Amino acid sequence: MVRSVRPAGARVPLKIGADARSAAGTDAAQVLAPATEVPDDLVELGYIGDAYGIQGWIKVQPHGGDGEGLLTADTWYLQRPGDTTFRTAEVLQSRGHSGTVVAHLRGSDSRTSAEALKGFQVWVPRSAFPTADEDEFYWVDLIGAQVTNLQDESLGKVVGLLDNGVHTVLRVAYDVPAADGKPAKTAERLIPFVGQYVQTVDTEAGRIVADWGLDY
């Protein structure tokens, strides 16, 4: 649901020889299939960080939350960073594990085949997400929402979310015009996503109303 977005940290690329790259490509090919149709509501939810165990399981680091969307989808769409094509993988089993999601994909039967999938981004159709409970929202549905206050003044647009350990915080970006010789810039407001401040959320309209002043 609404959680912090944990961006993929910088990775140092592994340098492997031609034989190892060829083997990795073969192992990945037995798990992945070309995507004949790509849903138009795909959402990137995480990336495959490592193998898990020795029986072909993988470990996925979610970008935000506990990976609820990953746990309910039977098919994942995988993509290499910078690539434009998708491949599909059938999820046989998946479960949450210490802030990550571990999963067994059809065709992945060894640690070698699981390691061949490291680095792939994992995408899931938004339509595959479980239904949110009342007053619960997925982070992906809040990104891009326009935020106004009770006086109908624009506070900016949601560009991300943070987790301070107590609650979720909206990162709301807004434009600051040039003044006193200083150039125009973009700044951020941090608005706690709690009932005390957030009055209404309309995900279909992409609008959030908050009890928040322009000078806060």
N, C-alpha and C. Protein backbone atom coordinates (compact mmCIF):
# COMPACT_ATOMS: atom_id res chain seq x y z
N MET A 1 0.85 -1.16 0.00
CA MET A 1 0.00 0.00 0.00
C MET A 1 0.90 1.24 0.00
N VAL A 2 0.52 2.27 0.75
CA VAL A 2 1.38 3.44 0.78
C VAL A 2 2.57 3.14 1.68
N ARG A 3 3.72 3.15 1.14
CA ARG A 3 4.94 2.91 1.87
C ARG A 3 6.00 3.84 1.29
N SER A 4 7.22 3.76 1.82
CA SER A 4 8.29 4.53 1.22
C SER A 4 8.73 3.86 -0.07
N VAL A 5 9.30 4.65 -0.96
CA VAL A 5 9.84 4.13 -2.20
C VAL A 5 11.32 3.91 -1.99
N ARG A 6 11.73 2.68 -2.06
CA ARG A 6 13.14 2.40 -1.87
C ARG A 6 13.80 2.25 -3.23
N PRO A 7 14.48 3.31 -3.69
CA PRO A 7 15.09 3.24 -5.02
C PRO A 7 16.19 2.21 -5.07
N ALA A 8 16.37 1.61 -6.22
CA ALA A 8 17.46 0.66 -6.40
C ALA A 8 18.77 1.39 -6.21
N GLY A 9 19.58 0.90 -5.31
CA GLY A 9 20.87 1.54 -5.07
C GLY A 9 21.82 1.31 -6.23
N ALA A 10 22.88 2.11 -6.24
CA ALA A 10 23.86 1.98 -7.32
C ALA A 10 24.50 0.60 -7.25
N ARG A 11 24.64 -0.04 -8.37
CA ARG A 11 25.22 -1.36 -8.45
C ARG A 11 26.54 -1.30 -9.21
N VAL A 12 27.54 -2.03 -8.73
CA VAL A 12 28.79 -2.14 -9.47
C VAL A 12 28.65 -3.30 -10.43
N PRO A 13 28.75 -3.08 -11.75
CA PRO A 13 28.55 -4.15 -12.71
C PRO A 13 29.61 -5.24 -12.56
N LEU A 14 29.17 -6.48 -12.66
CA LEU A 14 30.08 -7.61 -12.59
C LEU A 14 30.77 -7.79 -13.94
N LYS A 15 32.05 -8.08 -13.90
CA LYS A 15 32.80 -8.33 -15.12
C LYS A 15 32.98 -9.83 -15.25
N ILE A 16 32.36 -10.40 -16.26
CA ILE A 16 32.45 -11.84 -16.46
C ILE A 16 32.90 -12.11 -17.88
N GLY A 17 33.46 -13.28 -18.07
CA GLY A 17 33.98 -13.63 -19.39
C GLY A 17 32.90 -14.02 -20.37
N ALA A 18 33.28 -14.21 -21.61
CA ALA A 18 32.33 -14.54 -22.68
C ALA A 18 31.61 -15.84 -22.40
N ASP A 19 32.35 -16.85 -21.91
CA ASP A 19 31.72 -18.15 -21.63
C ASP A 19 30.65 -18.02 -20.55
N ALA A 20 30.97 -17.23 -19.51
CA ALA A 20 30.01 -17.05 -18.43
C ALA A 20 28.79 -16.29 -18.91
N ARG A 21 29.01 -15.28 -19.77
CA ARG A 21 27.86 -14.52 -20.30
C ARG A 21 26.98 -15.40 -21.15
N SER A 22 27.57 -16.27 -21.92
CA SER A 22 26.79 -17.18 -22.77
C SER A 22 25.98 -18.13 -21.93
N ALA A 23 26.60 -18.66 -20.87
CA ALA A 23 25.88 -19.58 -19.99
C ALA A 23 24.73 -18.88 -19.29
N ALA A 24 24.99 -17.65 -18.85
CA ALA A 24 23.94 -16.89 -18.17
C ALA A 24 22.77 -16.64 -19.11
N GLY A 25 23.07 -16.32 -20.37
CA GLY A 25 22.01 -16.09 -21.34
C GLY A 25 21.18 -17.33 -21.57
N THR A 26 21.83 -18.48 -21.59
CA THR A 26 21.12 -19.75 -21.78
C THR A 26 20.20 -20.04 -20.61
N ASP A 27 20.72 -19.84 -19.40
CA ASP A 27 19.92 -20.12 -18.21
C ASP A 27 18.72 -19.18 -18.12
N ALA A 28 18.91 -17.92 -18.48
CA ALA A 28 17.81 -16.98 -18.44
C ALA A 28 16.76 -17.34 -19.49
N ALA A 29 17.20 -17.84 -20.63
CA ALA A 29 16.28 -18.17 -21.72
C ALA A 29 15.35 -19.30 -21.35
N GLN A 30 15.76 -20.19 -20.46
CA GLN A 30 14.88 -21.30 -20.09
C GLN A 30 13.79 -20.87 -19.10
N VAL A 31 13.94 -19.66 -18.56
CA VAL A 31 12.95 -19.14 -17.62
C VAL A 31 12.03 -18.12 -18.29
N LEU A 32 12.59 -17.33 -19.20
CA LEU A 32 11.86 -16.21 -19.78
C LEU A 32 11.35 -16.53 -21.17
N ALA A 33 10.20 -15.94 -21.50
CA ALA A 33 9.61 -16.08 -22.83
C ALA A 33 9.35 -14.69 -23.40
N PRO A 34 9.45 -14.53 -24.71
CA PRO A 34 9.14 -13.21 -25.30
C PRO A 34 7.70 -12.81 -24.97
N ALA A 35 7.50 -11.56 -24.65
CA ALA A 35 6.15 -11.06 -24.35
C ALA A 35 5.43 -10.79 -25.67
N THR A 36 4.42 -11.59 -25.97
CA THR A 36 3.67 -11.39 -27.22
C THR A 36 2.75 -10.19 -27.12
N GLU A 37 2.23 -9.93 -25.93
CA GLU A 37 1.40 -8.75 -25.69
C GLU A 37 1.86 -8.10 -24.38
N VAL A 38 1.97 -6.78 -24.40
CA VAL A 38 2.43 -6.05 -23.22
C VAL A 38 1.28 -5.18 -22.71
N PRO A 39 0.78 -5.41 -21.49
CA PRO A 39 -0.31 -4.58 -20.95
C PRO A 39 0.11 -3.12 -20.89
N ASP A 40 -0.85 -2.24 -21.07
CA ASP A 40 -0.54 -0.81 -21.06
C ASP A 40 -0.55 -0.22 -19.66
N ASP A 41 -0.79 -1.07 -18.63
CA ASP A 41 -0.81 -0.56 -17.26
C ASP A 41 0.32 -1.15 -16.41
N LEU A 42 1.45 -1.51 -17.07
CA LEU A 42 2.56 -2.09 -16.33
C LEU A 42 3.16 -1.07 -15.36
N VAL A 43 3.53 -1.56 -14.18
CA VAL A 43 4.18 -0.73 -13.16
C VAL A 43 5.45 -1.45 -12.73
N GLU A 44 6.57 -0.73 -12.72
CA GLU A 44 7.82 -1.32 -12.25
C GLU A 44 7.80 -1.37 -10.73
N LEU A 45 7.88 -2.57 -10.17
CA LEU A 45 7.76 -2.74 -8.73
C LEU A 45 9.06 -3.09 -8.03
N GLY A 46 10.08 -3.48 -8.77
CA GLY A 46 11.33 -3.85 -8.11
C GLY A 46 12.33 -4.42 -9.10
N TYR A 47 13.38 -5.00 -8.58
CA TYR A 47 14.40 -5.62 -9.43
C TYR A 47 14.93 -6.88 -8.76
N ILE A 48 15.40 -7.81 -9.56
CA ILE A 48 15.95 -9.06 -9.05
C ILE A 48 17.37 -8.78 -8.57
N GLY A 49 17.56 -8.90 -7.26
CA GLY A 49 18.86 -8.57 -6.69
C GLY A 49 19.81 -9.73 -6.56
N ASP A 50 19.26 -10.95 -6.40
CA ASP A 50 20.15 -12.08 -6.17
C ASP A 50 19.37 -13.38 -6.23
N ALA A 51 20.12 -14.48 -6.23
CA ALA A 51 19.51 -15.80 -6.09
C ALA A 51 19.17 -16.00 -4.62
N TYR A 52 18.24 -16.90 -4.35
CA TYR A 52 17.85 -17.19 -2.98
C TYR A 52 17.87 -18.71 -2.82
N GLY A 53 18.83 -19.20 -2.04
CA GLY A 53 18.96 -20.64 -1.88
C GLY A 53 19.60 -21.28 -3.09
N ILE A 54 19.43 -22.60 -3.20
CA ILE A 54 20.10 -23.37 -4.26
C ILE A 54 19.12 -24.06 -5.20
N GLN A 55 17.83 -23.81 -5.03
CA GLN A 55 16.84 -24.52 -5.83
C GLN A 55 16.17 -23.63 -6.87
N GLY A 56 16.83 -22.54 -7.26
CA GLY A 56 16.32 -21.71 -8.35
C GLY A 56 15.47 -20.53 -7.94
N TRP A 57 15.33 -20.30 -6.65
CA TRP A 57 14.55 -19.17 -6.19
C TRP A 57 15.34 -17.87 -6.38
N ILE A 58 14.62 -16.76 -6.55
CA ILE A 58 15.24 -15.45 -6.69
C ILE A 58 14.76 -14.53 -5.58
N LYS A 59 15.52 -13.46 -5.36
CA LYS A 59 15.15 -12.47 -4.36
C LYS A 59 14.93 -11.13 -5.08
N VAL A 60 13.74 -10.55 -4.88
CA VAL A 60 13.39 -9.28 -5.52
C VAL A 60 13.35 -8.17 -4.47
N GLN A 61 14.03 -7.07 -4.77
CA GLN A 61 13.98 -5.90 -3.90
C GLN A 61 12.88 -4.98 -4.39
N PRO A 62 11.79 -4.82 -3.64
CA PRO A 62 10.72 -3.91 -4.08
C PRO A 62 11.18 -2.46 -4.04
N HIS A 63 10.66 -1.66 -4.94
CA HIS A 63 10.94 -0.22 -4.92
C HIS A 63 10.18 0.47 -3.81
N GLY A 64 9.07 -0.10 -3.38
CA GLY A 64 8.28 0.52 -2.33
C GLY A 64 7.37 -0.50 -1.69
N GLY A 65 7.10 -0.30 -0.42
CA GLY A 65 6.20 -1.19 0.29
C GLY A 65 6.79 -2.59 0.46
N ASP A 66 5.90 -3.54 0.63
CA ASP A 66 6.32 -4.92 0.84
C ASP A 66 6.13 -5.77 -0.41
N GLY A 67 5.90 -5.11 -1.54
CA GLY A 67 5.77 -5.86 -2.79
C GLY A 67 4.44 -6.57 -2.94
N GLU A 68 3.35 -5.95 -2.45
CA GLU A 68 2.05 -6.61 -2.52
C GLU A 68 1.68 -6.99 -3.95
N GLY A 69 1.95 -6.10 -4.89
CA GLY A 69 1.62 -6.39 -6.28
C GLY A 69 2.38 -7.57 -6.83
N LEU A 70 3.61 -7.76 -6.36
CA LEU A 70 4.42 -8.89 -6.80
C LEU A 70 3.83 -10.21 -6.30
N LEU A 71 3.29 -10.19 -5.10
CA LEU A 71 2.81 -11.42 -4.48
C LEU A 71 1.50 -11.93 -5.06
N THR A 72 0.76 -11.07 -5.74
CA THR A 72 -0.55 -11.50 -6.25
C THR A 72 -0.55 -11.78 -7.75
N ALA A 73 0.54 -11.46 -8.44
CA ALA A 73 0.58 -11.65 -9.89
C ALA A 73 1.12 -13.03 -10.24
N ASP A 74 0.47 -13.71 -11.18
CA ASP A 74 0.91 -15.02 -11.64
C ASP A 74 1.99 -14.91 -12.72
N THR A 75 2.02 -13.76 -13.38
CA THR A 75 3.01 -13.53 -14.44
C THR A 75 3.73 -12.22 -14.18
N TRP A 76 5.05 -12.25 -14.26
CA TRP A 76 5.86 -11.05 -14.16
C TRP A 76 6.40 -10.70 -15.53
N TYR A 77 6.54 -9.41 -15.77
CA TYR A 77 7.16 -8.91 -17.00
C TYR A 77 8.55 -8.39 -16.63
N LEU A 78 9.57 -8.97 -17.23
CA LEU A 78 10.95 -8.63 -16.88
C LEU A 78 11.61 -7.86 -18.01
N GLN A 79 12.47 -6.94 -17.62
CA GLN A 79 13.14 -6.09 -18.60
C GLN A 79 14.52 -5.72 -18.08
N ARG A 80 15.50 -5.79 -18.96
CA ARG A 80 16.83 -5.33 -18.60
C ARG A 80 16.84 -3.80 -18.58
N PRO A 81 17.55 -3.17 -17.63
CA PRO A 81 17.65 -1.71 -17.62
C PRO A 81 18.15 -1.18 -18.96
N GLY A 82 17.46 -0.20 -19.50
CA GLY A 82 17.84 0.37 -20.77
C GLY A 82 17.30 -0.34 -21.98
N ASP A 83 16.69 -1.52 -21.78
CA ASP A 83 16.11 -2.27 -22.89
C ASP A 83 14.68 -1.80 -23.13
N THR A 84 14.16 -2.09 -24.29
CA THR A 84 12.78 -1.68 -24.62
C THR A 84 11.85 -2.87 -24.75
N THR A 85 12.38 -4.07 -24.71
CA THR A 85 11.57 -5.27 -24.86
C THR A 85 11.31 -5.93 -23.51
N PHE A 86 10.18 -6.58 -23.42
CA PHE A 86 9.81 -7.30 -22.20
C PHE A 86 9.84 -8.80 -22.46
N ARG A 87 10.11 -9.54 -21.39
CA ARG A 87 9.97 -10.99 -21.38
C ARG A 87 9.05 -11.34 -20.22
N THR A 88 8.45 -12.49 -20.30
CA THR A 88 7.53 -12.90 -19.24
C THR A 88 8.09 -14.09 -18.49
N ALA A 89 7.69 -14.19 -17.23
CA ALA A 89 8.07 -15.32 -16.39
C ALA A 89 6.85 -15.75 -15.59
N GLU A 90 6.64 -17.05 -15.50
CA GLU A 90 5.51 -17.57 -14.74
C GLU A 90 5.92 -17.79 -13.29
N VAL A 91 5.18 -17.20 -12.38
CA VAL A 91 5.49 -17.30 -10.96
C VAL A 91 4.82 -18.54 -10.38
N LEU A 92 5.63 -19.49 -9.89
CA LEU A 92 5.09 -20.69 -9.27
C LEU A 92 4.78 -20.47 -7.79
N GLN A 93 5.69 -19.80 -7.09
CA GLN A 93 5.50 -19.50 -5.68
C GLN A 93 6.17 -18.17 -5.37
N SER A 94 5.63 -17.44 -4.40
CA SER A 94 6.26 -16.20 -3.96
C SER A 94 5.82 -15.92 -2.53
N ARG A 95 6.68 -15.20 -1.80
CA ARG A 95 6.33 -14.82 -0.43
C ARG A 95 7.24 -13.68 0.00
N GLY A 96 6.77 -12.92 1.00
CA GLY A 96 7.58 -11.86 1.55
C GLY A 96 8.68 -12.44 2.42
N HIS A 97 9.83 -11.74 2.44
CA HIS A 97 10.96 -12.22 3.24
C HIS A 97 11.86 -11.05 3.62
N SER A 98 11.72 -10.59 4.88
CA SER A 98 12.60 -9.55 5.43
C SER A 98 12.69 -8.32 4.54
N GLY A 99 11.53 -7.81 4.11
CA GLY A 99 11.51 -6.60 3.30
C GLY A 99 11.74 -6.83 1.82
N THR A 100 11.92 -8.08 1.42
CA THR A 100 12.05 -8.43 0.01
C THR A 100 10.96 -9.42 -0.36
N VAL A 101 10.94 -9.82 -1.61
CA VAL A 101 10.05 -10.88 -2.07
C VAL A 101 10.92 -11.99 -2.67
N VAL A 102 10.74 -13.21 -2.20
CA VAL A 102 11.44 -14.34 -2.79
C VAL A 102 10.44 -15.14 -3.61
N ALA A 103 10.89 -15.63 -4.75
CA ALA A 103 9.96 -16.29 -5.67
C ALA A 103 10.65 -17.41 -6.43
N HIS A 104 9.83 -18.36 -6.86
CA HIS A 104 10.29 -19.45 -7.71
C HIS A 104 9.60 -19.32 -9.06
N LEU A 105 10.37 -19.12 -10.12
CA LEU A 105 9.83 -18.98 -11.45
C LEU A 105 9.95 -20.29 -12.21
N ARG A 106 8.95 -20.57 -13.05
CA ARG A 106 8.99 -21.79 -13.85
C ARG A 106 10.25 -21.80 -14.72
N GLY A 107 10.95 -22.92 -14.70
CA GLY A 107 12.17 -23.08 -15.50
C GLY A 107 13.44 -22.75 -14.76
N SER A 108 13.32 -22.11 -13.60
CA SER A 108 14.50 -21.80 -12.79
C SER A 108 14.67 -22.92 -11.77
N ASP A 109 15.62 -23.80 -12.02
CA ASP A 109 15.74 -25.00 -11.19
C ASP A 109 17.09 -25.11 -10.48
N SER A 110 17.91 -24.07 -10.54
CA SER A 110 19.20 -24.11 -9.88
C SER A 110 19.62 -22.70 -9.51
N ARG A 111 20.63 -22.61 -8.65
CA ARG A 111 21.13 -21.28 -8.29
C ARG A 111 21.72 -20.58 -9.51
N THR A 112 22.30 -21.37 -10.41
CA THR A 112 22.88 -20.78 -11.63
C THR A 112 21.82 -20.10 -12.48
N SER A 113 20.68 -20.76 -12.66
CA SER A 113 19.62 -20.15 -13.47
C SER A 113 19.03 -18.94 -12.77
N ALA A 114 18.97 -18.96 -11.44
CA ALA A 114 18.47 -17.80 -10.70
C ALA A 114 19.44 -16.63 -10.81
N GLU A 115 20.72 -16.90 -10.72
CA GLU A 115 21.72 -15.83 -10.82
C GLU A 115 21.72 -15.19 -12.20
N ALA A 116 21.31 -15.95 -13.22
CA ALA A 116 21.25 -15.40 -14.58
C ALA A 116 20.18 -14.32 -14.71
N LEU A 117 19.27 -14.24 -13.74
CA LEU A 117 18.18 -13.26 -13.80
C LEU A 117 18.50 -11.98 -13.01
N LYS A 118 19.65 -11.94 -12.36
CA LYS A 118 20.01 -10.77 -11.56
C LYS A 118 20.03 -9.52 -12.43
N GLY A 119 19.47 -8.44 -11.89
CA GLY A 119 19.47 -7.16 -12.59
C GLY A 119 18.21 -6.88 -13.37
N PHE A 120 17.39 -7.89 -13.64
CA PHE A 120 16.15 -7.64 -14.38
C PHE A 120 15.20 -6.80 -13.54
N GLN A 121 14.57 -5.82 -14.16
CA GLN A 121 13.49 -5.07 -13.53
C GLN A 121 12.21 -5.90 -13.61
N VAL A 122 11.41 -5.83 -12.57
CA VAL A 122 10.18 -6.61 -12.50
C VAL A 122 8.97 -5.68 -12.60
N TRP A 123 8.13 -5.94 -13.58
CA TRP A 123 6.93 -5.14 -13.83
C TRP A 123 5.69 -6.02 -13.67
N VAL A 124 4.60 -5.41 -13.20
CA VAL A 124 3.34 -6.12 -13.00
C VAL A 124 2.21 -5.20 -13.47
N PRO A 125 1.18 -5.75 -14.12
CA PRO A 125 0.03 -4.89 -14.48
C PRO A 125 -0.65 -4.32 -13.24
N ARG A 126 -1.01 -3.06 -13.30
CA ARG A 126 -1.72 -2.45 -12.17
C ARG A 126 -3.01 -3.20 -11.88
N SER A 127 -3.64 -3.74 -12.90
CA SER A 127 -4.90 -4.47 -12.73
C SER A 127 -4.73 -5.75 -11.91
N ALA A 128 -3.47 -6.20 -11.73
CA ALA A 128 -3.23 -7.42 -10.96
C ALA A 128 -3.05 -7.15 -9.47
N PHE A 129 -3.01 -5.87 -9.07
CA PHE A 129 -2.85 -5.55 -7.66
C PHE A 129 -4.09 -5.98 -6.89
N PRO A 130 -3.94 -6.41 -5.64
CA PRO A 130 -5.12 -6.69 -4.82
C PRO A 130 -5.87 -5.41 -4.51
N THR A 131 -7.16 -5.54 -4.26
CA THR A 131 -7.98 -4.37 -3.95
C THR A 131 -7.55 -3.77 -2.61
N ALA A 132 -7.32 -2.47 -2.61
CA ALA A 132 -6.89 -1.79 -1.38
C ALA A 132 -8.08 -1.65 -0.44
N ASP A 133 -7.79 -1.70 0.85
CA ASP A 133 -8.83 -1.46 1.84
C ASP A 133 -9.20 0.02 1.86
N GLU A 134 -10.30 0.32 2.53
CA GLU A 134 -10.73 1.71 2.64
C GLU A 134 -9.64 2.53 3.32
N ASP A 135 -9.37 3.72 2.76
CA ASP A 135 -8.35 4.62 3.28
C ASP A 135 -6.94 4.07 3.13
N GLU A 136 -6.75 3.09 2.25
CA GLU A 136 -5.42 2.62 1.89
C GLU A 136 -5.20 2.90 0.41
N PHE A 137 -3.98 3.27 0.07
CA PHE A 137 -3.68 3.64 -1.31
C PHE A 137 -2.32 3.10 -1.69
N TYR A 138 -2.21 2.67 -2.94
CA TYR A 138 -0.91 2.26 -3.44
C TYR A 138 -0.10 3.49 -3.81
N TRP A 139 1.22 3.41 -3.51
CA TRP A 139 2.09 4.57 -3.80
C TRP A 139 2.02 4.97 -5.26
N VAL A 140 1.91 3.97 -6.15
CA VAL A 140 1.91 4.27 -7.58
C VAL A 140 0.70 5.11 -7.98
N ASP A 141 -0.39 5.01 -7.22
CA ASP A 141 -1.60 5.77 -7.53
C ASP A 141 -1.53 7.21 -7.00
N LEU A 142 -0.54 7.49 -6.16
CA LEU A 142 -0.40 8.83 -5.61
C LEU A 142 0.61 9.67 -6.39
N ILE A 143 1.56 9.01 -7.04
CA ILE A 143 2.57 9.73 -7.80
C ILE A 143 1.90 10.51 -8.92
N GLY A 144 2.22 11.79 -9.02
CA GLY A 144 1.65 12.64 -10.07
C GLY A 144 0.39 13.36 -9.65
N ALA A 145 -0.15 13.05 -8.48
CA ALA A 145 -1.38 13.71 -8.03
C ALA A 145 -1.11 15.19 -7.72
N GLN A 146 -2.06 16.04 -8.07
CA GLN A 146 -1.97 17.46 -7.76
C GLN A 146 -2.51 17.68 -6.34
N VAL A 147 -1.77 18.46 -5.55
CA VAL A 147 -2.15 18.69 -4.16
C VAL A 147 -2.58 20.13 -3.97
N THR A 148 -3.75 20.32 -3.38
CA THR A 148 -4.24 21.65 -3.03
C THR A 148 -4.56 21.68 -1.55
N ASN A 149 -4.66 22.88 -0.99
CA ASN A 149 -5.02 22.99 0.42
C ASN A 149 -6.49 23.35 0.58
N LEU A 150 -6.92 23.59 1.80
CA LEU A 150 -8.33 23.86 2.07
C LEU A 150 -8.78 25.18 1.47
N GLN A 151 -7.83 26.05 1.15
CA GLN A 151 -8.15 27.33 0.51
C GLN A 151 -8.10 27.22 -1.02
N ASP A 152 -7.98 25.98 -1.50
CA ASP A 152 -7.90 25.69 -2.94
C ASP A 152 -6.66 26.32 -3.58
N GLU A 153 -5.60 26.46 -2.81
CA GLU A 153 -4.32 26.93 -3.33
C GLU A 153 -3.47 25.73 -3.71
N SER A 154 -2.78 25.83 -4.82
CA SER A 154 -1.97 24.72 -5.30
C SER A 154 -0.71 24.58 -4.45
N LEU A 155 -0.48 23.37 -3.95
CA LEU A 155 0.72 23.07 -3.18
C LEU A 155 1.79 22.39 -4.02
N GLY A 156 1.38 21.86 -5.18
CA GLY A 156 2.33 21.20 -6.05
C GLY A 156 1.88 19.82 -6.46
N LYS A 157 2.83 19.02 -6.90
CA LYS A 157 2.54 17.68 -7.42
C LYS A 157 3.36 16.64 -6.67
N VAL A 158 2.74 15.50 -6.37
CA VAL A 158 3.42 14.42 -5.67
C VAL A 158 4.46 13.78 -6.61
N VAL A 159 5.71 13.81 -6.19
CA VAL A 159 6.78 13.23 -7.01
C VAL A 159 7.41 12.02 -6.34
N GLY A 160 7.03 11.72 -5.12
CA GLY A 160 7.58 10.56 -4.44
C GLY A 160 7.04 10.47 -3.03
N LEU A 161 7.46 9.42 -2.33
CA LEU A 161 7.04 9.21 -0.95
C LEU A 161 8.24 8.80 -0.12
N LEU A 162 8.20 9.15 1.15
CA LEU A 162 9.25 8.79 2.09
C LEU A 162 8.62 8.06 3.27
N ASP A 163 9.42 7.33 4.01
CA ASP A 163 8.96 6.68 5.22
C ASP A 163 9.90 7.10 6.34
N ASN A 164 9.38 7.82 7.32
CA ASN A 164 10.23 8.29 8.42
C ASN A 164 10.23 7.32 9.60
N GLY A 165 9.68 6.14 9.40
CA GLY A 165 9.62 5.15 10.46
C GLY A 165 8.34 5.19 11.26
N VAL A 166 7.60 6.30 11.14
CA VAL A 166 6.33 6.44 11.86
C VAL A 166 5.16 6.44 10.88
N HIS A 167 5.32 7.19 9.78
CA HIS A 167 4.27 7.24 8.77
C HIS A 167 4.88 7.62 7.43
N THR A 168 4.07 7.54 6.41
CA THR A 168 4.50 7.92 5.07
C THR A 168 4.43 9.43 4.91
N VAL A 169 5.34 9.98 4.13
CA VAL A 169 5.41 11.42 3.88
C VAL A 169 5.36 11.66 2.37
N LEU A 170 4.49 12.55 1.95
CA LEU A 170 4.39 12.91 0.54
C LEU A 170 5.48 13.92 0.20
N ARG A 171 6.19 13.68 -0.89
CA ARG A 171 7.13 14.66 -1.44
C ARG A 171 6.38 15.44 -2.51
N VAL A 172 6.09 16.69 -2.24
CA VAL A 172 5.28 17.51 -3.14
C VAL A 172 6.17 18.59 -3.75
N ALA A 173 6.39 18.53 -5.05
CA ALA A 173 7.25 19.49 -5.74
C ALA A 173 6.43 20.68 -6.23
N TYR A 174 7.03 21.88 -6.13
CA TYR A 174 6.35 23.08 -6.60
C TYR A 174 7.39 24.05 -7.16
N ASP A 175 6.94 24.95 -8.02
CA ASP A 175 7.83 25.92 -8.66
C ASP A 175 7.95 27.18 -7.82
N VAL A 176 9.17 27.64 -7.67
CA VAL A 176 9.44 28.90 -6.98
C VAL A 176 9.88 29.91 -8.04
N PRO A 177 9.13 30.98 -8.25
CA PRO A 177 9.49 31.94 -9.30
C PRO A 177 10.76 32.73 -8.95
N ALA A 178 11.37 33.27 -9.98
CA ALA A 178 12.56 34.09 -9.77
C ALA A 178 12.20 35.33 -8.96
N ALA A 179 13.11 35.73 -8.04
CA ALA A 179 12.86 36.91 -7.21
C ALA A 179 14.16 37.38 -6.59
N ASP A 180 14.28 38.69 -6.44
CA ASP A 180 15.45 39.28 -5.79
C ASP A 180 16.76 38.82 -6.42
N GLY A 181 16.75 38.71 -7.74
CA GLY A 181 17.96 38.31 -8.43
C GLY A 181 18.25 36.83 -8.41
N LYS A 182 17.40 36.05 -7.74
CA LYS A 182 17.60 34.60 -7.68
C LYS A 182 16.78 33.94 -8.79
N PRO A 183 17.35 32.92 -9.46
CA PRO A 183 16.62 32.28 -10.56
C PRO A 183 15.46 31.43 -10.06
N ALA A 184 14.54 31.14 -10.95
CA ALA A 184 13.44 30.23 -10.61
C ALA A 184 13.99 28.85 -10.29
N LYS A 185 13.29 28.14 -9.45
CA LYS A 185 13.74 26.79 -9.07
C LYS A 185 12.55 25.94 -8.69
N THR A 186 12.81 24.67 -8.51
CA THR A 186 11.79 23.73 -8.02
C THR A 186 12.14 23.35 -6.59
N ALA A 187 11.17 23.43 -5.69
CA ALA A 187 11.37 23.08 -4.29
C ALA A 187 10.38 21.97 -3.90
N GLU A 188 10.51 21.47 -2.69
CA GLU A 188 9.63 20.40 -2.23
C GLU A 188 9.01 20.73 -0.88
N ARG A 189 7.76 20.33 -0.74
CA ARG A 189 7.09 20.33 0.55
C ARG A 189 6.99 18.88 1.00
N LEU A 190 7.17 18.63 2.28
CA LEU A 190 7.01 17.30 2.83
C LEU A 190 5.76 17.29 3.70
N ILE A 191 4.74 16.56 3.24
CA ILE A 191 3.45 16.56 3.92
C ILE A 191 3.18 15.16 4.47
N PRO A 192 3.05 15.00 5.79
CA PRO A 192 2.76 13.67 6.35
C PRO A 192 1.44 13.12 5.79
N PHE A 193 1.48 11.87 5.35
CA PHE A 193 0.28 11.25 4.79
C PHE A 193 -0.52 10.62 5.92
N VAL A 194 -1.12 11.48 6.74
CA VAL A 194 -1.94 11.04 7.87
C VAL A 194 -3.23 11.86 7.86
N GLY A 195 -4.24 11.35 8.52
CA GLY A 195 -5.55 11.98 8.50
C GLY A 195 -5.57 13.39 9.05
N GLN A 196 -4.62 13.71 9.94
CA GLN A 196 -4.58 15.05 10.51
C GLN A 196 -4.35 16.11 9.44
N TYR A 197 -3.61 15.75 8.40
CA TYR A 197 -3.27 16.72 7.37
C TYR A 197 -3.92 16.41 6.02
N VAL A 198 -4.00 15.15 5.64
CA VAL A 198 -4.57 14.79 4.35
C VAL A 198 -6.08 14.60 4.52
N GLN A 199 -6.84 15.46 3.87
CA GLN A 199 -8.29 15.46 4.05
C GLN A 199 -8.99 14.51 3.08
N THR A 200 -8.65 14.61 1.79
CA THR A 200 -9.29 13.74 0.80
C THR A 200 -8.26 13.30 -0.23
N VAL A 201 -8.48 12.11 -0.77
CA VAL A 201 -7.63 11.57 -1.83
C VAL A 201 -8.55 11.02 -2.92
N ASP A 202 -8.40 11.55 -4.11
CA ASP A 202 -9.18 11.09 -5.27
C ASP A 202 -8.18 10.60 -6.30
N THR A 203 -7.92 9.27 -6.29
CA THR A 203 -6.90 8.72 -7.19
C THR A 203 -7.36 8.78 -8.64
N GLU A 204 -8.66 8.66 -8.88
CA GLU A 204 -9.14 8.70 -10.26
C GLU A 204 -8.94 10.09 -10.87
N ALA A 205 -9.17 11.12 -10.07
CA ALA A 205 -8.98 12.49 -10.55
C ALA A 205 -7.54 12.95 -10.40
N GLY A 206 -6.73 12.17 -9.65
CA GLY A 206 -5.36 12.57 -9.41
C GLY A 206 -5.27 13.83 -8.56
N ARG A 207 -6.06 13.87 -7.47
CA ARG A 207 -6.12 15.09 -6.65
C ARG A 207 -6.12 14.75 -5.17
N ILE A 208 -5.33 15.49 -4.42
CA ILE A 208 -5.25 15.34 -2.97
C ILE A 208 -5.49 16.70 -2.33
N VAL A 209 -6.32 16.74 -1.30
CA VAL A 209 -6.56 17.97 -0.56
C VAL A 209 -5.95 17.81 0.83
N ALA A 210 -5.10 18.78 1.20
CA ALA A 210 -4.41 18.71 2.48
C ALA A 210 -4.61 19.99 3.29
N ASP A 211 -4.65 19.85 4.59
CA ASP A 211 -4.71 20.99 5.49
C ASP A 211 -3.28 21.46 5.71
N TRP A 212 -2.81 22.28 4.78
CA TRP A 212 -1.39 22.65 4.75
C TRP A 212 -1.26 24.04 4.15
N GLY A 213 -0.48 24.89 4.75
CA GLY A 213 -0.34 26.25 4.27
C GLY A 213 0.78 26.39 3.25
N LEU A 214 0.69 27.42 2.45
CA LEU A 214 1.73 27.68 1.46
C LEU A 214 3.08 28.01 2.11
N ASP A 215 3.03 28.54 3.34
CA ASP A 215 4.25 28.95 4.01
C ASP A 215 4.77 27.92 4.99
N TYR A 216 4.22 26.71 4.99
CA TYR A 216 4.70 25.68 5.93
C TYR A 216 6.03 25.13 5.42
